[in-house]
Amino acid sequence: MVSKHYPKIRQTLPDGRVGLREGLILCFFMRCPHDTVSHAVTRALNLYLDAVGHEKLGWYVDMGGTLPPEEHKGWAGAIRPLNGEQWKKVRDELRAPSSCILQLEEYENQVGGFRFEYHGRSPEDIAKPGFVSAVSFWLPTEHLEEHGPEHVKELAVAIAREVPLDSGYVSLAFNYLLPSKPVMRLIQEHCFRYPGMDIHNLSTTSMYLGEKARGAYWLNFYGQTLLDQLGGTGGIRAQLTHPEVSVEELNAQKVLVSLGKWPEAGDVEQEKEMRPYHALARMLEPHLYEAPTSRDITRRWQRRFLDT
């Protein structure tokens, strides 16, 4: 049974909407401005839609929307149906000359399994330390159950080949509507029990990640800068000798490190070991991203595979 690899997590908000669920995130970071990656991101979005079905994204979050707050449905902006007119707007925004922020959702007023988010940074931002352009694609765990891990891996590899990535990963993750106190409280209750589940904020990460690796995940993509720092493909293979770990060259500048056939949430209460994740985290430690925070709980979560 696939469900042995991860928990089923759902939180319903007081008004009945689903505000939190488990999911699978495919995320890629590019230290390039929007105007140089927009065509690649557009191709990657098309690959995603072809794989999951164009109807899976039904709503557009308009960051500049002027709807009253009660019509924002909990998102960061006004939310509108993804009809032909809105799809044209999406394509136009992807072709914008300087920068672009996009959020496309499965449902109007609750977290769905399918989701697309893109932060395409301006050249001025990319010139600052830490800033990257970033894109994420979400899948529900039901999609993983139906199609299997090889299907997800093939999609991730196809996207990784398209985009000029510095790093990227695929992981089980907490998919949430907005970081409200009840939602974040539940995530805190679960995140140390299930260390294989990512807590993600694309906007914040894309302002501070730079050329670092964000962590140890099921599928890990490294571009040339990280490859050089890690000693190349040979250096990675020499340091990661666990039988569940595989290292594949996608081309001369991109490598995929896979930690097993399935993504694993881990469960410390069931004493499930995640040795490949610990080994990769130790190898990455000098090159790991640290979120800008003073909270001890955040630091402890970021080091969950290093201090245990």
C-alpha atoms as a PDB file:
ATOM      1  CA  MET A   1       0.000   0.000   0.000  1.00  0.00           C
ATOM      2  CA  VAL A   2       1.319   3.424  -0.979  1.00  0.00           C
ATOM      3  CA  SER A   3      -0.126   5.051   2.139  1.00  0.00           C
ATOM      4  CA  LYS A   4       2.520   3.375   4.314  1.00  0.00           C
ATOM      5  CA  HIS A   5       4.964   5.968   2.952  1.00  0.00           C
ATOM      6  CA  TYR A   6       3.139   9.023   4.284  1.00  0.00           C
ATOM      7  CA  PRO A   7       0.272  10.129   6.537  1.00  0.00           C
ATOM      8  CA  LYS A   8      -3.081  11.449   5.370  1.00  0.00           C
ATOM      9  CA  ILE A   9      -3.347  14.962   6.761  1.00  0.00           C
ATOM     10  CA  ARG A  10      -6.417  17.166   6.377  1.00  0.00           C
ATOM     11  CA  GLN A  11      -7.398  20.218   8.372  1.00  0.00           C
ATOM     12  CA  THR A  12     -10.803  21.753   7.838  1.00  0.00           C
ATOM     13  CA  LEU A  13     -11.162  25.424   8.690  1.00  0.00           C
ATOM     14  CA  PRO A  14     -14.120  26.689  10.765  1.00  0.00           C
ATOM     15  CA  ASP A  15     -15.983  27.647   7.579  1.00  0.00           C
ATOM     16  CA  GLY A  16     -15.611  24.120   6.174  1.00  0.00           C
ATOM     17  CA  ARG A  17     -12.772  24.725   3.715  1.00  0.00           C
ATOM     18  CA  VAL A  18      -9.728  22.446   3.593  1.00  0.00           C
ATOM     19  CA  GLY A  19      -6.856  24.627   4.807  1.00  0.00           C
ATOM     20  CA  LEU A  20      -4.100  22.009   5.029  1.00  0.00           C
ATOM     21  CA  ARG A  21      -3.344  18.659   3.418  1.00  0.00           C
ATOM     22  CA  GLU A  22      -0.390  16.482   2.513  1.00  0.00           C
ATOM     23  CA  GLY A  23       0.906  16.744  -1.042  1.00  0.00           C
ATOM     24  CA  LEU A  24       3.899  16.372  -3.305  1.00  0.00           C
ATOM     25  CA  ILE A  25       5.911  19.429  -4.371  1.00  0.00           C
ATOM     26  CA  LEU A  26       8.218  19.711  -7.385  1.00  0.00           C
ATOM     27  CA  CYS A  27      10.335  22.830  -6.898  1.00  0.00           C
ATOM     28  CA  PHE A  28      13.147  24.418  -8.930  1.00  0.00           C
ATOM     29  CA  PHE A  29      15.406  27.402  -8.250  1.00  0.00           C
ATOM     30  CA  MET A  30      17.233  29.427 -10.899  1.00  0.00           C
ATOM     31  CA  ARG A  31      19.717  32.207 -10.217  1.00  0.00           C
ATOM     32  CA  CYS A  32      18.568  33.923 -13.414  1.00  0.00           C
ATOM     33  CA  PRO A  33      16.166  36.798 -14.015  1.00  0.00           C
ATOM     34  CA  HIS A  34      12.653  36.249 -15.291  1.00  0.00           C
ATOM     35  CA  ASP A  35      13.386  37.522 -18.781  1.00  0.00           C
ATOM     36  CA  THR A  36      15.932  34.731 -19.347  1.00  0.00           C
ATOM     37  CA  VAL A  37      13.882  31.872 -17.830  1.00  0.00           C
ATOM     38  CA  SER A  38      10.312  32.787 -18.843  1.00  0.00           C
ATOM     39  CA  HIS A  39      10.273  30.622 -21.981  1.00  0.00           C
ATOM     40  CA  ALA A  40      11.655  27.640 -20.054  1.00  0.00           C
ATOM     41  CA  VAL A  41       9.103  28.101 -17.264  1.00  0.00           C
ATOM     42  CA  THR A  42       6.311  28.295 -19.854  1.00  0.00           C
ATOM     43  CA  ARG A  43       7.478  25.003 -21.383  1.00  0.00           C
ATOM     44  CA  ALA A  44       7.674  23.469 -17.898  1.00  0.00           C
ATOM     45  CA  LEU A  45       4.101  24.587 -17.130  1.00  0.00           C
ATOM     46  CA  ASN A  46       2.948  22.995 -20.389  1.00  0.00           C
ATOM     47  CA  LEU A  47       4.688  19.723 -19.435  1.00  0.00           C
ATOM     48  CA  TYR A  48       2.920  19.782 -16.074  1.00  0.00           C
ATOM     49  CA  LEU A  49      -0.497  20.486 -17.609  1.00  0.00           C
ATOM     50  CA  ASP A  50      -0.013  17.767 -20.229  1.00  0.00           C
ATOM     51  CA  ALA A  51       0.849  15.289 -17.450  1.00  0.00           C
ATOM     52  CA  VAL A  52      -1.975  16.102 -15.035  1.00  0.00           C
ATOM     53  CA  GLY A  53      -4.672  17.549 -17.304  1.00  0.00           C
ATOM     54  CA  HIS A  54      -5.273  21.177 -18.230  1.00  0.00           C
ATOM     55  CA  GLU A  55      -8.552  21.171 -16.281  1.00  0.00           C
ATOM     56  CA  LYS A  56      -6.733  20.556 -12.969  1.00  0.00           C
ATOM     57  CA  LEU A  57      -5.927  24.251 -12.572  1.00  0.00           C
ATOM     58  CA  GLY A  58      -9.174  26.166 -12.408  1.00  0.00           C
ATOM     59  CA  TRP A  59      -8.386  29.450 -10.646  1.00  0.00           C
ATOM     60  CA  TYR A  60      -6.037  32.389 -11.047  1.00  0.00           C
ATOM     61  CA  VAL A  61      -4.898  34.382  -8.002  1.00  0.00           C
ATOM     62  CA  ASP A  62      -4.707  37.988  -9.157  1.00  0.00           C
ATOM     63  CA  MET A  63      -2.023  39.577  -6.971  1.00  0.00           C
ATOM     64  CA  GLY A  64      -3.108  43.021  -8.143  1.00  0.00           C
ATOM     65  CA  GLY A  65      -6.789  42.269  -7.813  1.00  0.00           C
ATOM     66  CA  THR A  66      -9.188  44.865  -6.462  1.00  0.00           C
ATOM     67  CA  LEU A  67     -11.934  42.620  -5.132  1.00  0.00           C
ATOM     68  CA  PRO A  68     -13.075  43.273  -1.547  1.00  0.00           C
ATOM     69  CA  PRO A  69     -11.348  41.110   1.098  1.00  0.00           C
ATOM     70  CA  GLU A  70     -14.386  38.847   1.561  1.00  0.00           C
ATOM     71  CA  GLU A  71     -14.036  37.765  -2.082  1.00  0.00           C
ATOM     72  CA  HIS A  72     -10.351  36.848  -1.857  1.00  0.00           C
ATOM     73  CA  LYS A  73     -11.323  33.437  -0.425  1.00  0.00           C
ATOM     74  CA  GLY A  74      -8.247  33.330   1.813  1.00  0.00           C
ATOM     75  CA  TRP A  75      -5.668  33.726  -0.961  1.00  0.00           C
ATOM     76  CA  ALA A  76      -3.126  36.544  -1.174  1.00  0.00           C
ATOM     77  CA  GLY A  77      -5.071  38.295  -3.942  1.00  0.00           C
ATOM     78  CA  ALA A  78      -8.389  38.276  -5.774  1.00  0.00           C
ATOM     79  CA  ILE A  79      -9.174  34.858  -7.224  1.00  0.00           C
ATOM     80  CA  ARG A  80     -10.762  34.506 -10.658  1.00  0.00           C
ATOM     81  CA  PRO A  81     -11.844  31.557 -12.840  1.00  0.00           C
ATOM     82  CA  LEU A  82      -9.169  30.362 -15.257  1.00  0.00           C
ATOM     83  CA  ASN A  83     -11.199  30.855 -18.409  1.00  0.00           C
ATOM     84  CA  GLY A  84      -9.790  31.680 -21.834  1.00  0.00           C
ATOM     85  CA  GLU A  85      -9.366  35.336 -20.961  1.00  0.00           C
ATOM     86  CA  GLN A  86      -7.476  34.574 -17.768  1.00  0.00           C
ATOM     87  CA  TRP A  87      -5.249  32.005 -19.510  1.00  0.00           C
ATOM     88  CA  LYS A  88      -4.334  34.716 -22.005  1.00  0.00           C
ATOM     89  CA  LYS A  89      -3.438  36.946 -19.053  1.00  0.00           C
ATOM     90  CA  VAL A  90      -1.277  34.155 -17.585  1.00  0.00           C
ATOM     91  CA  ARG A  91       0.589  33.763 -20.866  1.00  0.00           C
ATOM     92  CA  ASP A  92       1.021  37.527 -21.163  1.00  0.00           C
ATOM     93  CA  GLU A  93       2.411  37.733 -17.632  1.00  0.00           C
ATOM     94  CA  LEU A  94       4.862  34.936 -18.395  1.00  0.00           C
ATOM     95  CA  ARG A  95       6.093  37.032 -21.334  1.00  0.00           C
ATOM     96  CA  ALA A  96       6.448  40.187 -19.195  1.00  0.00           C
ATOM     97  CA  PRO A  97       9.868  41.813 -19.733  1.00  0.00           C
ATOM     98  CA  SER A  98      11.007  42.328 -16.142  1.00  0.00           C
ATOM     99  CA  SER A  99       9.399  40.151 -13.466  1.00  0.00           C
ATOM    100  CA  CYS A 100       6.402  37.909 -12.850  1.00  0.00           C
ATOM    101  CA  ILE A 101       4.517  36.420  -9.898  1.00  0.00           C
ATOM    102  CA  LEU A 102       1.914  33.771 -10.697  1.00  0.00           C
ATOM    103  CA  GLN A 103      -0.287  31.524  -8.566  1.00  0.00           C
ATOM    104  CA  LEU A 104      -2.742  29.070 -10.135  1.00  0.00           C
ATOM    105  CA  GLU A 105      -4.981  26.859  -8.010  1.00  0.00           C
ATOM    106  CA  GLU A 106      -7.193  23.823  -8.379  1.00  0.00           C
ATOM    107  CA  TYR A 107     -10.033  25.160  -6.224  1.00  0.00           C
ATOM    108  CA  GLU A 108     -11.532  28.569  -5.608  1.00  0.00           C
ATOM    109  CA  ASN A 109     -11.657  28.598  -1.841  1.00  0.00           C
ATOM    110  CA  GLN A 110      -9.600  25.740  -0.405  1.00  0.00           C
ATOM    111  CA  VAL A 111      -6.323  23.906  -0.815  1.00  0.00           C
ATOM    112  CA  GLY A 112      -6.358  21.432  -3.676  1.00  0.00           C
ATOM    113  CA  GLY A 113      -3.859  18.841  -4.725  1.00  0.00           C
ATOM    114  CA  PHE A 114      -2.819  20.645  -7.932  1.00  0.00           C
ATOM    115  CA  ARG A 115      -1.135  24.029  -7.798  1.00  0.00           C
ATOM    116  CA  PHE A 116       1.399  26.158  -9.708  1.00  0.00           C
ATOM    117  CA  GLU A 117       3.434  29.034  -8.312  1.00  0.00           C
ATOM    118  CA  TYR A 118       6.164  31.102  -9.940  1.00  0.00           C
ATOM    119  CA  HIS A 119       8.334  33.963  -8.731  1.00  0.00           C
ATOM    120  CA  GLY A 120      10.300  35.327 -11.671  1.00  0.00           C
ATOM    121  CA  ARG A 121      12.722  37.908 -10.317  1.00  0.00           C
ATOM    122  CA  SER A 122      13.874  41.091 -12.011  1.00  0.00           C
ATOM    123  CA  PRO A 123      17.542  41.577 -13.019  1.00  0.00           C
ATOM    124  CA  GLU A 124      17.848  44.091 -10.164  1.00  0.00           C
ATOM    125  CA  ASP A 125      16.695  41.483  -7.644  1.00  0.00           C
ATOM    126  CA  ILE A 126      18.934  38.743  -9.039  1.00  0.00           C
ATOM    127  CA  ALA A 127      21.897  41.076  -8.571  1.00  0.00           C
ATOM    128  CA  LYS A 128      21.238  40.991  -4.815  1.00  0.00           C
ATOM    129  CA  PRO A 129      22.649  38.174  -2.661  1.00  0.00           C
ATOM    130  CA  GLY A 130      20.158  35.374  -2.117  1.00  0.00           C
ATOM    131  CA  PHE A 131      17.551  36.192  -4.757  1.00  0.00           C
ATOM    132  CA  VAL A 132      16.542  33.495  -7.251  1.00  0.00           C
ATOM    133  CA  SER A 133      13.678  32.879  -9.618  1.00  0.00           C
ATOM    134  CA  ALA A 134      11.645  29.902  -8.392  1.00  0.00           C
ATOM    135  CA  VAL A 135       8.821  27.716  -9.638  1.00  0.00           C
ATOM    136  CA  SER A 136       6.793  24.981  -7.950  1.00  0.00           C
ATOM    137  CA  PHE A 137       4.308  22.390  -9.153  1.00  0.00           C
ATOM    138  CA  TRP A 138       2.061  20.488  -6.740  1.00  0.00           C
ATOM    139  CA  LEU A 139       0.550  17.024  -7.057  1.00  0.00           C
ATOM    140  CA  PRO A 140      -1.909  15.357  -4.687  1.00  0.00           C
ATOM    141  CA  THR A 141      -0.787  12.103  -3.094  1.00  0.00           C
ATOM    142  CA  GLU A 142      -3.744  10.496  -4.862  1.00  0.00           C
ATOM    143  CA  HIS A 143      -1.957  11.219  -8.153  1.00  0.00           C
ATOM    144  CA  LEU A 144       1.120   9.423  -6.814  1.00  0.00           C
ATOM    145  CA  GLU A 145      -1.009   6.467  -5.734  1.00  0.00           C
ATOM    146  CA  GLU A 146      -2.710   6.229  -9.126  1.00  0.00           C
ATOM    147  CA  HIS A 147       0.322   6.686 -11.383  1.00  0.00           C
ATOM    148  CA  GLY A 148       3.241   5.553  -9.223  1.00  0.00           C
ATOM    149  CA  PRO A 149       6.578   7.153  -8.332  1.00  0.00           C
ATOM    150  CA  GLU A 150       8.208   6.582 -11.733  1.00  0.00           C
ATOM    151  CA  HIS A 151       5.575   8.779 -13.372  1.00  0.00           C
ATOM    152  CA  VAL A 152       6.320  11.581 -10.904  1.00  0.00           C
ATOM    153  CA  LYS A 153      10.061  11.141 -11.370  1.00  0.00           C
ATOM    154  CA  GLU A 154       9.707  11.277 -15.170  1.00  0.00           C
ATOM    155  CA  LEU A 155       7.739  14.524 -14.924  1.00  0.00           C
ATOM    156  CA  ALA A 156      10.304  16.050 -12.554  1.00  0.00           C
ATOM    157  CA  VAL A 157      13.204  15.047 -14.806  1.00  0.00           C
ATOM    158  CA  ALA A 158      11.426  16.464 -17.875  1.00  0.00           C
ATOM    159  CA  ILE A 159      10.943  19.792 -16.087  1.00  0.00           C
ATOM    160  CA  ALA A 160      14.519  19.768 -14.775  1.00  0.00           C
ATOM    161  CA  ARG A 161      15.820  19.340 -18.319  1.00  0.00           C
ATOM    162  CA  GLU A 162      13.834  22.400 -19.441  1.00  0.00           C
ATOM    163  CA  VAL A 163      14.786  24.943 -16.795  1.00  0.00           C
ATOM    164  CA  PRO A 164      18.287  26.380 -16.115  1.00  0.00           C
ATOM    165  CA  LEU A 165      18.219  25.179 -12.510  1.00  0.00           C
ATOM    166  CA  ASP A 166      20.793  25.761  -9.811  1.00  0.00           C
ATOM    167  CA  SER A 167      18.933  23.368  -7.531  1.00  0.00           C
ATOM    168  CA  GLY A 168      15.591  21.662  -7.200  1.00  0.00           C
ATOM    169  CA  TYR A 169      13.793  18.897  -5.379  1.00  0.00           C
ATOM    170  CA  VAL A 170      10.680  16.734  -5.149  1.00  0.00           C
ATOM    171  CA  SER A 171       9.258  15.968  -1.722  1.00  0.00           C
ATOM    172  CA  LEU A 172       6.211  15.157   0.304  1.00  0.00           C
ATOM    173  CA  ALA A 173       5.109  18.452   1.820  1.00  0.00           C
ATOM    174  CA  PHE A 174       2.498  20.280   3.847  1.00  0.00           C
ATOM    175  CA  ASN A 175       0.230  22.027   1.338  1.00  0.00           C
ATOM    176  CA  TYR A 176      -1.603  24.862   3.070  1.00  0.00           C
ATOM    177  CA  LEU A 177      -3.949  27.701   2.167  1.00  0.00           C
ATOM    178  CA  LEU A 178      -2.347  30.507   4.187  1.00  0.00           C
ATOM    179  CA  PRO A 179       0.017  30.418   7.193  1.00  0.00           C
ATOM    180  CA  SER A 180      -2.755  31.012   9.746  1.00  0.00           C
ATOM    181  CA  LYS A 181      -2.134  30.189  13.406  1.00  0.00           C
ATOM    182  CA  PRO A 182      -4.301  26.997  13.429  1.00  0.00           C
ATOM    183  CA  VAL A 183      -2.630  25.701  10.259  1.00  0.00           C
ATOM    184  CA  MET A 184       0.916  26.442  11.430  1.00  0.00           C
ATOM    185  CA  ARG A 185       0.146  24.938  14.838  1.00  0.00           C
ATOM    186  CA  LEU A 186      -0.899  21.674  13.195  1.00  0.00           C
ATOM    187  CA  ILE A 187       2.180  21.687  10.967  1.00  0.00           C
ATOM    188  CA  GLN A 188       4.364  22.122  14.051  1.00  0.00           C
ATOM    189  CA  GLU A 189       2.619  19.155  15.656  1.00  0.00           C
ATOM    190  CA  HIS A 190       3.427  16.949  12.647  1.00  0.00           C
ATOM    191  CA  CYS A 191       6.723  18.208  11.189  1.00  0.00           C
ATOM    192  CA  PHE A 192       9.076  16.530  13.667  1.00  0.00           C
ATOM    193  CA  ARG A 193       7.126  13.279  13.609  1.00  0.00           C
ATOM    194  CA  TYR A 194       7.319  13.205   9.790  1.00  0.00           C
ATOM    195  CA  PRO A 195      10.736  14.691   8.927  1.00  0.00           C
ATOM    196  CA  GLY A 196      10.418  13.766   5.248  1.00  0.00           C
ATOM    197  CA  MET A 197       7.601  16.295   4.756  1.00  0.00           C
ATOM    198  CA  ASP A 198       8.674  19.732   3.575  1.00  0.00           C
ATOM    199  CA  ILE A 199       7.419  23.048   4.961  1.00  0.00           C
ATOM    200  CA  HIS A 200       7.582  25.397   2.046  1.00  0.00           C
ATOM    201  CA  ASN A 201       7.262  29.124   1.348  1.00  0.00           C
ATOM    202  CA  LEU A 202       8.324  29.889  -2.222  1.00  0.00           C
ATOM    203  CA  SER A 203       8.316  33.659  -1.779  1.00  0.00           C
ATOM    204  CA  THR A 204      10.646  33.702   1.231  1.00  0.00           C
ATOM    205  CA  THR A 205      12.946  30.988  -0.060  1.00  0.00           C
ATOM    206  CA  SER A 206      13.384  32.751  -3.398  1.00  0.00           C
ATOM    207  CA  MET A 207      14.657  35.848  -1.586  1.00  0.00           C
ATOM    208  CA  TYR A 208      17.369  34.101   0.429  1.00  0.00           C
ATOM    209  CA  LEU A 209      18.359  30.760  -1.137  1.00  0.00           C
ATOM    210  CA  GLY A 210      21.012  31.919  -3.606  1.00  0.00           C
ATOM    211  CA  GLU A 211      23.174  28.990  -4.725  1.00  0.00           C
ATOM    212  CA  LYS A 212      22.555  26.904  -1.594  1.00  0.00           C
ATOM    213  CA  ALA A 213      20.683  23.616  -1.383  1.00  0.00           C
ATOM    214  CA  ARG A 214      17.425  23.787   0.552  1.00  0.00           C
ATOM    215  CA  GLY A 215      17.729  20.349   2.155  1.00  0.00           C
ATOM    216  CA  ALA A 216      17.701  16.577   1.693  1.00  0.00           C
ATOM    217  CA  TYR A 217      14.665  15.272  -0.184  1.00  0.00           C
ATOM    218  CA  TRP A 218      13.379  12.302  -2.143  1.00  0.00           C
ATOM    219  CA  LEU A 219      14.597  13.676  -5.498  1.00  0.00           C
ATOM    220  CA  ASN A 220      17.393  16.263  -5.513  1.00  0.00           C
ATOM    221  CA  PHE A 221      18.579  18.237  -8.550  1.00  0.00           C
ATOM    222  CA  TYR A 222      21.900  20.088  -8.593  1.00  0.00           C
ATOM    223  CA  GLY A 223      23.245  22.478 -11.206  1.00  0.00           C
ATOM    224  CA  GLN A 224      26.842  23.297 -12.019  1.00  0.00           C
ATOM    225  CA  THR A 225      27.649  25.502  -9.006  1.00  0.00           C
ATOM    226  CA  LEU A 226      26.558  22.951  -6.415  1.00  0.00           C
ATOM    227  CA  LEU A 227      28.067  20.144  -8.452  1.00  0.00           C
ATOM    228  CA  ASP A 228      31.464  21.838  -8.324  1.00  0.00           C
ATOM    229  CA  GLN A 229      31.138  22.417  -4.582  1.00  0.00           C
ATOM    230  CA  LEU A 230      30.210  18.772  -3.987  1.00  0.00           C
ATOM    231  CA  GLY A 231      33.100  17.372  -6.011  1.00  0.00           C
ATOM    232  CA  GLY A 232      31.132  16.569  -9.147  1.00  0.00           C
ATOM    233  CA  THR A 233      29.191  13.406  -9.843  1.00  0.00           C
ATOM    234  CA  GLY A 234      32.089  11.250  -8.731  1.00  0.00           C
ATOM    235  CA  GLY A 235      32.393  13.105  -5.446  1.00  0.00           C
ATOM    236  CA  ILE A 236      28.683  12.678  -4.723  1.00  0.00           C
ATOM    237  CA  ARG A 237      28.790   8.959  -5.481  1.00  0.00           C
ATOM    238  CA  ALA A 238      31.845   8.507  -3.253  1.00  0.00           C
ATOM    239  CA  GLN A 239      30.068  10.128  -0.314  1.00  0.00           C
ATOM    240  CA  LEU A 240      26.636   8.514  -0.773  1.00  0.00           C
ATOM    241  CA  THR A 241      27.127   4.763  -0.745  1.00  0.00           C
ATOM    242  CA  HIS A 242      23.754   3.703   0.671  1.00  0.00           C
ATOM    243  CA  PRO A 243      22.125   1.109  -1.643  1.00  0.00           C
ATOM    244  CA  GLU A 244      18.895   3.126  -1.903  1.00  0.00           C
ATOM    245  CA  VAL A 245      20.728   6.168  -3.277  1.00  0.00           C
ATOM    246  CA  SER A 246      21.182   6.638  -7.018  1.00  0.00           C
ATOM    247  CA  VAL A 247      23.103   9.410  -8.795  1.00  0.00           C
ATOM    248  CA  GLU A 248      22.177  10.137 -12.423  1.00  0.00           C
ATOM    249  CA  GLU A 249      23.692  12.660 -14.800  1.00  0.00           C
ATOM    250  CA  LEU A 250      20.968  14.494 -16.713  1.00  0.00           C
ATOM    251  CA  ASN A 251      23.615  16.340 -18.723  1.00  0.00           C
ATOM    252  CA  ALA A 252      27.063  17.801 -18.102  1.00  0.00           C
ATOM    253  CA  GLN A 253      25.642  20.508 -15.799  1.00  0.00           C
ATOM    254  CA  LYS A 254      22.752  18.731 -14.022  1.00  0.00           C
ATOM    255  CA  VAL A 255      22.626  15.749 -11.688  1.00  0.00           C
ATOM    256  CA  LEU A 256      19.742  13.956 -10.005  1.00  0.00           C
ATOM    257  CA  VAL A 257      20.252  12.303  -6.602  1.00  0.00           C
ATOM    258  CA  SER A 258      17.355   9.956  -5.720  1.00  0.00           C
ATOM    259  CA  LEU A 259      16.807   8.606  -2.200  1.00  0.00           C
ATOM    260  CA  GLY A 260      14.800   5.474  -2.845  1.00  0.00           C
ATOM    261  CA  LYS A 261      11.927   4.431  -5.073  1.00  0.00           C
ATOM    262  CA  TRP A 262       9.196   6.206  -3.092  1.00  0.00           C
ATOM    263  CA  PRO A 263       9.073   9.560  -1.293  1.00  0.00           C
ATOM    264  CA  GLU A 264       9.092   8.873   2.438  1.00  0.00           C
ATOM    265  CA  ALA A 265       7.580  10.974   5.215  1.00  0.00           C
ATOM    266  CA  GLY A 266       9.293   8.927   7.908  1.00  0.00           C
ATOM    267  CA  ASP A 267       7.585   8.413  11.236  1.00  0.00           C
ATOM    268  CA  VAL A 268       9.741   8.752  14.327  1.00  0.00           C
ATOM    269  CA  GLU A 269       6.966   7.245  16.461  1.00  0.00           C
ATOM    270  CA  GLN A 270       7.198   4.089  14.342  1.00  0.00           C
ATOM    271  CA  GLU A 271      11.023   4.296  14.505  1.00  0.00           C
ATOM    272  CA  LYS A 272      11.287   4.540  10.742  1.00  0.00           C
ATOM    273  CA  GLU A 273      14.867   5.290   9.793  1.00  0.00           C
ATOM    274  CA  MET A 274      15.721   7.627   6.938  1.00  0.00           C
ATOM    275  CA  ARG A 275      19.417   6.859   6.573  1.00  0.00           C
ATOM    276  CA  PRO A 276      19.794   8.130   2.978  1.00  0.00           C
ATOM    277  CA  TYR A 277      18.279  11.484   4.016  1.00  0.00           C
ATOM    278  CA  HIS A 278      20.675  11.795   6.956  1.00  0.00           C
ATOM    279  CA  ALA A 279      23.635  10.907   4.723  1.00  0.00           C
ATOM    280  CA  LEU A 280      22.700  13.480   2.079  1.00  0.00           C
ATOM    281  CA  ALA A 281      22.098  16.182   4.702  1.00  0.00           C
ATOM    282  CA  ARG A 282      25.575  15.560   6.157  1.00  0.00           C
ATOM    283  CA  MET A 283      27.144  15.851   2.715  1.00  0.00           C
ATOM    284  CA  LEU A 284      25.237  19.074   2.021  1.00  0.00           C
ATOM    285  CA  GLU A 285      25.758  20.665   5.438  1.00  0.00           C
ATOM    286  CA  PRO A 286      28.354  23.289   4.355  1.00  0.00           C
ATOM    287  CA  HIS A 287      26.056  24.291   1.479  1.00  0.00           C
ATOM    288  CA  LEU A 288      22.644  24.218   3.187  1.00  0.00           C
ATOM    289  CA  TYR A 289      20.194  27.091   3.167  1.00  0.00           C
ATOM    290  CA  GLU A 290      19.252  28.641   6.499  1.00  0.00           C
ATOM    291  CA  ALA A 291      16.007  30.591   6.684  1.00  0.00           C
ATOM    292  CA  PRO A 292      16.325  34.131   8.079  1.00  0.00           C
ATOM    293  CA  THR A 293      14.658  33.599  11.448  1.00  0.00           C
ATOM    294  CA  SER A 294      15.329  33.852  15.140  1.00  0.00           C
ATOM    295  CA  ARG A 295      12.946  31.020  16.001  1.00  0.00           C
ATOM    296  CA  ASP A 296      14.610  27.988  17.564  1.00  0.00           C
ATOM    297  CA  ILE A 297      11.883  25.656  16.262  1.00  0.00           C
ATOM    298  CA  THR A 298      12.638  26.682  12.661  1.00  0.00           C
ATOM    299  CA  ARG A 299      16.351  26.055  13.099  1.00  0.00           C
ATOM    300  CA  ARG A 300      15.666  22.713  14.736  1.00  0.00           C
ATOM    301  CA  TRP A 301      13.434  21.669  11.839  1.00  0.00           C
ATOM    302  CA  GLN A 302      16.043  22.743   9.260  1.00  0.00           C
ATOM    303  CA  ARG A 303      18.615  20.542  11.038  1.00  0.00           C
ATOM    304  CA  ARG A 304      16.258  17.596  11.588  1.00  0.00           C
ATOM    305  CA  PHE A 305      18.496  15.211   9.611  1.00  0.00           C
ATOM    306  CA  LEU A 306      21.730  16.554  11.123  1.00  0.00           C
ATOM    307  CA  ASP A 307      21.101  16.673  14.865  1.00  0.00           C
ATOM    308  CA  THR A 308      19.344  13.331  15.292  1.00  0.00           C
END
